[in-house]
Amino acid sequence: MALTAPLTSKPAPGHTGIAYDEKSKVVHAYYGSNDLPGHMKHLTDNQNQYPHNKQPFDVLPAGSKENRKKALDGIKTQPDHARDEKPPNFVKHDGKSVTVQSLPKKESSKHVFW
């Protein structure tokens, strides 16, 4: 994930955004109900069902699509909706604690993190 400029402060509680810790080279992604209510609920539901998904995740190499193939196999897209995987498809995870929900495309197409 490439950031054009380091963002050093995290967003206010409940707000969507990113913060880049330049010292540790870690990007923190925040889901908030202000901008991504469906994604926030899905993230919370996934973490309640699979508490270990609250751990930090490593980002996969660019172009990796294996997680998405596995998670979305056999799940159809509804009109004006997108399939949302938690944990996100771009992170390394065990593949056994993935949930997929259909969320409004308007919300899913915001590309808030890059």
N, C-alpha and C. Protein backbone atom coordinates (compact mmCIF):
# COMPACT_ATOMS: atom_id res chain seq x y z
N MET A 1 0.84 -1.16 0.00
CA MET A 1 0.00 0.00 0.00
C MET A 1 0.90 1.23 0.00
N ALA A 2 0.72 2.09 -0.94
CA ALA A 2 1.54 3.29 -1.02
C ALA A 2 0.72 4.50 -0.59
N LEU A 3 1.28 5.29 0.28
CA LEU A 3 0.65 6.53 0.70
C LEU A 3 1.38 7.68 0.05
N THR A 4 0.63 8.67 -0.37
CA THR A 4 1.28 9.81 -1.01
C THR A 4 1.91 10.75 0.02
N ALA A 5 1.36 10.80 1.21
CA ALA A 5 1.93 11.63 2.27
C ALA A 5 1.61 11.00 3.61
N PRO A 6 2.57 10.99 4.53
CA PRO A 6 2.30 10.41 5.85
C PRO A 6 1.21 11.18 6.59
N LEU A 7 0.25 10.46 7.13
CA LEU A 7 -0.76 11.06 8.00
C LEU A 7 -0.41 10.60 9.40
N THR A 8 -0.08 11.53 10.25
CA THR A 8 0.49 11.14 11.54
C THR A 8 -0.52 11.10 12.68
N SER A 9 -1.71 11.64 12.48
CA SER A 9 -2.68 11.60 13.57
C SER A 9 -3.87 10.73 13.17
N LYS A 10 -4.38 9.97 14.13
CA LYS A 10 -5.51 9.11 13.82
C LYS A 10 -6.79 9.93 13.80
N PRO A 11 -7.80 9.43 13.07
CA PRO A 11 -9.06 10.16 13.01
C PRO A 11 -9.79 10.13 14.36
N ALA A 12 -10.73 11.01 14.53
CA ALA A 12 -11.53 11.06 15.76
C ALA A 12 -12.29 9.75 15.94
N PRO A 13 -12.62 9.37 17.16
CA PRO A 13 -13.37 8.13 17.39
C PRO A 13 -14.64 8.07 16.55
N GLY A 14 -14.87 6.91 15.92
CA GLY A 14 -16.05 6.72 15.10
C GLY A 14 -15.91 7.22 13.68
N HIS A 15 -14.74 7.75 13.33
CA HIS A 15 -14.53 8.29 11.99
C HIS A 15 -13.57 7.42 11.19
N THR A 16 -13.78 7.40 9.89
CA THR A 16 -12.98 6.62 8.97
C THR A 16 -11.72 7.39 8.59
N GLY A 17 -10.62 6.67 8.44
CA GLY A 17 -9.39 7.29 7.99
C GLY A 17 -8.20 6.40 8.22
N ILE A 18 -7.03 6.92 7.93
CA ILE A 18 -5.79 6.17 8.13
C ILE A 18 -4.80 7.04 8.90
N ALA A 19 -3.88 6.38 9.55
CA ALA A 19 -2.78 7.09 10.20
C ALA A 19 -1.52 6.27 9.95
N TYR A 20 -0.48 6.93 9.55
CA TYR A 20 0.79 6.28 9.24
C TYR A 20 1.79 6.60 10.32
N ASP A 21 2.25 5.56 10.99
CA ASP A 21 3.27 5.71 12.02
C ASP A 21 4.63 5.61 11.32
N GLU A 22 5.22 6.75 11.03
CA GLU A 22 6.46 6.79 10.25
C GLU A 22 7.60 6.07 10.96
N LYS A 23 7.65 6.17 12.28
CA LYS A 23 8.73 5.53 13.03
C LYS A 23 8.71 4.01 12.90
N SER A 24 7.53 3.42 13.05
CA SER A 24 7.45 1.95 12.97
C SER A 24 7.07 1.46 11.57
N LYS A 25 6.78 2.38 10.65
CA LYS A 25 6.39 2.04 9.28
C LYS A 25 5.11 1.20 9.25
N VAL A 26 4.14 1.57 10.10
CA VAL A 26 2.86 0.85 10.18
C VAL A 26 1.73 1.79 9.78
N VAL A 27 0.83 1.28 8.95
CA VAL A 27 -0.36 2.03 8.57
C VAL A 27 -1.52 1.50 9.39
N HIS A 28 -2.22 2.37 10.06
CA HIS A 28 -3.39 2.00 10.86
C HIS A 28 -4.63 2.44 10.08
N ALA A 29 -5.53 1.48 9.77
CA ALA A 29 -6.77 1.78 9.08
C ALA A 29 -7.90 1.80 10.09
N TYR A 30 -8.74 2.81 10.01
CA TYR A 30 -9.86 2.97 10.94
C TYR A 30 -11.16 2.98 10.16
N TYR A 31 -12.09 2.13 10.57
CA TYR A 31 -13.44 2.15 10.02
C TYR A 31 -14.30 2.94 10.97
N GLY A 32 -15.11 3.83 10.44
CA GLY A 32 -16.00 4.60 11.29
C GLY A 32 -17.42 4.58 10.76
N SER A 33 -18.35 4.71 11.64
CA SER A 33 -19.75 4.69 11.23
C SER A 33 -20.15 6.00 10.54
N ASN A 34 -19.30 7.02 10.59
CA ASN A 34 -19.61 8.28 9.91
C ASN A 34 -19.64 8.13 8.40
N ASP A 35 -18.78 7.30 7.84
CA ASP A 35 -18.61 7.21 6.40
C ASP A 35 -18.84 5.79 5.87
N LEU A 36 -18.62 4.79 6.68
CA LEU A 36 -18.71 3.40 6.25
C LEU A 36 -19.51 2.57 7.26
N PRO A 37 -20.79 2.88 7.46
CA PRO A 37 -21.54 2.18 8.50
C PRO A 37 -21.66 0.68 8.26
N GLY A 38 -21.85 0.25 7.02
CA GLY A 38 -21.94 -1.18 6.73
C GLY A 38 -20.63 -1.89 6.97
N HIS A 39 -19.53 -1.28 6.55
CA HIS A 39 -18.21 -1.87 6.75
C HIS A 39 -17.87 -1.93 8.24
N MET A 40 -18.22 -0.88 8.97
CA MET A 40 -17.94 -0.86 10.41
C MET A 40 -18.70 -1.98 11.12
N LYS A 41 -19.97 -2.15 10.78
CA LYS A 41 -20.76 -3.21 11.40
C LYS A 41 -20.21 -4.58 11.03
N HIS A 42 -19.83 -4.76 9.76
CA HIS A 42 -19.27 -6.04 9.33
C HIS A 42 -17.96 -6.33 10.06
N LEU A 43 -17.10 -5.33 10.18
CA LEU A 43 -15.84 -5.51 10.90
C LEU A 43 -16.09 -5.90 12.36
N THR A 44 -17.01 -5.21 13.01
CA THR A 44 -17.34 -5.51 14.41
C THR A 44 -17.92 -6.91 14.55
N ASP A 45 -18.84 -7.28 13.65
CA ASP A 45 -19.43 -8.62 13.68
C ASP A 45 -18.36 -9.69 13.50
N ASN A 46 -17.44 -9.48 12.55
CA ASN A 46 -16.38 -10.46 12.30
C ASN A 46 -15.48 -10.60 13.51
N GLN A 47 -15.11 -9.49 14.13
CA GLN A 47 -14.22 -9.55 15.29
C GLN A 47 -14.91 -10.15 16.50
N ASN A 48 -16.22 -9.97 16.63
CA ASN A 48 -16.95 -10.62 17.72
C ASN A 48 -17.01 -12.13 17.50
N GLN A 49 -17.17 -12.55 16.25
CA GLN A 49 -17.23 -13.97 15.94
C GLN A 49 -15.86 -14.62 16.00
N TYR A 50 -14.83 -13.91 15.58
CA TYR A 50 -13.45 -14.40 15.55
C TYR A 50 -12.55 -13.40 16.26
N PRO A 51 -12.49 -13.44 17.59
CA PRO A 51 -11.73 -12.43 18.35
C PRO A 51 -10.27 -12.28 17.93
N HIS A 52 -9.65 -13.34 17.43
CA HIS A 52 -8.25 -13.22 17.02
C HIS A 52 -8.08 -12.29 15.82
N ASN A 53 -9.17 -11.95 15.12
CA ASN A 53 -9.07 -11.03 13.98
C ASN A 53 -8.86 -9.58 14.42
N LYS A 54 -8.72 -9.35 15.71
CA LYS A 54 -8.40 -8.01 16.21
C LYS A 54 -6.89 -7.76 16.18
N GLN A 55 -6.12 -8.80 15.88
CA GLN A 55 -4.67 -8.68 15.85
C GLN A 55 -4.22 -7.84 14.66
N PRO A 56 -3.04 -7.27 14.72
CA PRO A 56 -2.50 -6.59 13.53
C PRO A 56 -2.24 -7.62 12.42
N PHE A 57 -2.42 -7.21 11.19
CA PHE A 57 -2.19 -8.07 10.04
C PHE A 57 -1.07 -7.51 9.17
N ASP A 58 -0.33 -8.40 8.52
CA ASP A 58 0.65 -7.99 7.52
C ASP A 58 -0.06 -7.85 6.19
N VAL A 59 0.39 -6.92 5.38
CA VAL A 59 -0.17 -6.71 4.05
C VAL A 59 0.49 -7.68 3.08
N LEU A 60 -0.32 -8.26 2.20
CA LEU A 60 0.20 -9.18 1.19
C LEU A 60 0.95 -8.42 0.11
N PRO A 61 1.80 -9.13 -0.66
CA PRO A 61 2.48 -8.47 -1.78
C PRO A 61 1.46 -7.94 -2.79
N ALA A 62 1.81 -6.87 -3.46
CA ALA A 62 0.91 -6.27 -4.46
C ALA A 62 0.53 -7.32 -5.51
N GLY A 63 -0.72 -7.28 -5.92
CA GLY A 63 -1.18 -8.18 -6.97
C GLY A 63 -1.67 -9.53 -6.47
N SER A 64 -1.57 -9.80 -5.19
CA SER A 64 -2.02 -11.08 -4.65
C SER A 64 -3.55 -11.11 -4.60
N LYS A 65 -4.14 -12.13 -5.19
CA LYS A 65 -5.59 -12.22 -5.25
C LYS A 65 -6.11 -13.54 -4.69
N GLU A 66 -5.24 -14.31 -4.06
CA GLU A 66 -5.64 -15.63 -3.55
C GLU A 66 -6.72 -15.53 -2.48
N ASN A 67 -6.59 -14.60 -1.54
CA ASN A 67 -7.60 -14.47 -0.48
C ASN A 67 -8.98 -14.20 -1.08
N ARG A 68 -9.04 -13.30 -2.03
CA ARG A 68 -10.32 -12.93 -2.63
C ARG A 68 -10.95 -14.12 -3.35
N LYS A 69 -10.14 -14.86 -4.11
CA LYS A 69 -10.67 -16.04 -4.81
C LYS A 69 -11.31 -17.01 -3.83
N LYS A 70 -10.62 -17.30 -2.75
CA LYS A 70 -11.12 -18.25 -1.75
C LYS A 70 -12.37 -17.72 -1.06
N ALA A 71 -12.36 -16.48 -0.66
CA ALA A 71 -13.47 -15.92 0.12
C ALA A 71 -14.74 -15.76 -0.70
N LEU A 72 -14.59 -15.42 -1.97
CA LEU A 72 -15.77 -15.09 -2.78
C LEU A 72 -16.25 -16.23 -3.66
N ASP A 73 -15.59 -17.38 -3.59
CA ASP A 73 -15.97 -18.52 -4.41
C ASP A 73 -17.43 -18.90 -4.16
N GLY A 74 -18.24 -18.82 -5.19
CA GLY A 74 -19.63 -19.23 -5.09
C GLY A 74 -20.57 -18.19 -4.51
N ILE A 75 -20.07 -17.02 -4.16
CA ILE A 75 -20.93 -15.97 -3.60
C ILE A 75 -21.21 -14.95 -4.69
N LYS A 76 -22.47 -14.80 -5.04
CA LYS A 76 -22.86 -13.90 -6.13
C LYS A 76 -23.01 -12.47 -5.63
N THR A 77 -22.78 -11.54 -6.54
CA THR A 77 -22.95 -10.12 -6.25
C THR A 77 -24.40 -9.73 -6.51
N GLN A 78 -24.98 -8.96 -5.62
CA GLN A 78 -26.34 -8.45 -5.80
C GLN A 78 -26.26 -7.12 -6.54
N PRO A 79 -27.32 -6.75 -7.29
CA PRO A 79 -27.30 -5.46 -7.99
C PRO A 79 -27.04 -4.31 -7.02
N ASP A 80 -26.21 -3.38 -7.45
CA ASP A 80 -25.85 -2.18 -6.68
C ASP A 80 -25.19 -2.49 -5.35
N HIS A 81 -24.61 -3.68 -5.22
CA HIS A 81 -23.90 -4.09 -4.00
C HIS A 81 -22.52 -4.63 -4.36
N ALA A 82 -21.67 -4.70 -3.38
CA ALA A 82 -20.33 -5.29 -3.54
C ALA A 82 -20.14 -6.31 -2.42
N ARG A 83 -19.31 -7.31 -2.67
CA ARG A 83 -19.00 -8.31 -1.65
C ARG A 83 -17.84 -7.78 -0.82
N ASP A 84 -18.02 -7.77 0.47
CA ASP A 84 -17.01 -7.23 1.39
C ASP A 84 -16.48 -8.36 2.26
N GLU A 85 -15.17 -8.57 2.23
CA GLU A 85 -14.55 -9.61 3.06
C GLU A 85 -13.90 -8.99 4.28
N LYS A 86 -14.06 -9.66 5.40
CA LYS A 86 -13.35 -9.30 6.62
C LYS A 86 -12.71 -10.56 7.16
N PRO A 87 -11.44 -10.59 7.47
CA PRO A 87 -10.47 -9.52 7.24
C PRO A 87 -10.37 -9.19 5.74
N PRO A 88 -9.91 -7.98 5.45
CA PRO A 88 -9.80 -7.56 4.05
C PRO A 88 -8.92 -8.49 3.23
N ASN A 89 -9.18 -8.55 1.95
CA ASN A 89 -8.45 -9.48 1.07
C ASN A 89 -6.98 -9.15 0.93
N PHE A 90 -6.55 -7.95 1.28
CA PHE A 90 -5.15 -7.56 1.05
C PHE A 90 -4.24 -7.86 2.24
N VAL A 91 -4.76 -8.55 3.27
CA VAL A 91 -3.91 -8.87 4.42
C VAL A 91 -3.71 -10.38 4.55
N LYS A 92 -2.62 -10.77 5.19
CA LYS A 92 -2.35 -12.18 5.47
C LYS A 92 -3.24 -12.61 6.63
N HIS A 93 -3.96 -13.72 6.45
CA HIS A 93 -4.79 -14.25 7.53
C HIS A 93 -4.94 -15.75 7.35
N ASP A 94 -5.58 -16.41 8.30
CA ASP A 94 -5.66 -17.87 8.28
C ASP A 94 -6.66 -18.42 7.27
N GLY A 95 -7.51 -17.59 6.70
CA GLY A 95 -8.48 -18.04 5.71
C GLY A 95 -9.66 -18.77 6.29
N LYS A 96 -9.65 -19.04 7.58
CA LYS A 96 -10.73 -19.80 8.22
C LYS A 96 -11.71 -18.91 8.96
N SER A 97 -11.37 -17.67 9.15
CA SER A 97 -12.21 -16.77 9.93
C SER A 97 -12.67 -15.58 9.08
N VAL A 98 -12.93 -15.86 7.81
CA VAL A 98 -13.36 -14.83 6.88
C VAL A 98 -14.88 -14.80 6.82
N THR A 99 -15.44 -13.61 6.86
CA THR A 99 -16.87 -13.45 6.62
C THR A 99 -17.04 -12.55 5.41
N VAL A 100 -18.11 -12.79 4.66
CA VAL A 100 -18.40 -11.99 3.47
C VAL A 100 -19.83 -11.48 3.59
N GLN A 101 -19.99 -10.19 3.37
CA GLN A 101 -21.32 -9.60 3.38
C GLN A 101 -21.51 -8.76 2.13
N SER A 102 -22.74 -8.61 1.72
CA SER A 102 -23.09 -7.77 0.60
C SER A 102 -23.40 -6.38 1.14
N LEU A 103 -22.64 -5.40 0.68
CA LEU A 103 -22.81 -4.02 1.15
C LEU A 103 -23.08 -3.09 -0.03
N PRO A 104 -23.73 -1.96 0.20
CA PRO A 104 -24.02 -1.04 -0.90
C PRO A 104 -22.76 -0.63 -1.66
N LYS A 105 -22.83 -0.70 -2.97
CA LYS A 105 -21.68 -0.36 -3.81
C LYS A 105 -21.25 1.08 -3.58
N LYS A 106 -22.19 1.96 -3.31
CA LYS A 106 -21.87 3.37 -3.07
C LYS A 106 -20.89 3.51 -1.91
N GLU A 107 -21.11 2.71 -0.86
CA GLU A 107 -20.21 2.75 0.29
C GLU A 107 -18.89 2.06 -0.02
N SER A 108 -18.95 0.94 -0.71
CA SER A 108 -17.76 0.14 -0.98
C SER A 108 -16.82 0.77 -1.98
N SER A 109 -17.32 1.68 -2.79
CA SER A 109 -16.47 2.26 -3.85
C SER A 109 -15.76 3.53 -3.42
N LYS A 110 -15.78 3.85 -2.13
CA LYS A 110 -15.16 5.09 -1.67
C LYS A 110 -13.63 5.02 -1.64
N HIS A 111 -13.06 3.83 -1.58
CA HIS A 111 -11.60 3.66 -1.57
C HIS A 111 -10.94 4.61 -0.58
N VAL A 112 -11.36 4.51 0.68
CA VAL A 112 -10.91 5.47 1.67
C VAL A 112 -9.45 5.32 2.08
N PHE A 113 -8.85 4.17 1.82
CA PHE A 113 -7.51 3.96 2.33
C PHE A 113 -6.41 4.20 1.30
N TRP A 114 -6.74 4.36 0.05
CA TRP A 114 -5.73 4.67 -0.97
C TRP A 114 -6.39 5.20 -2.19
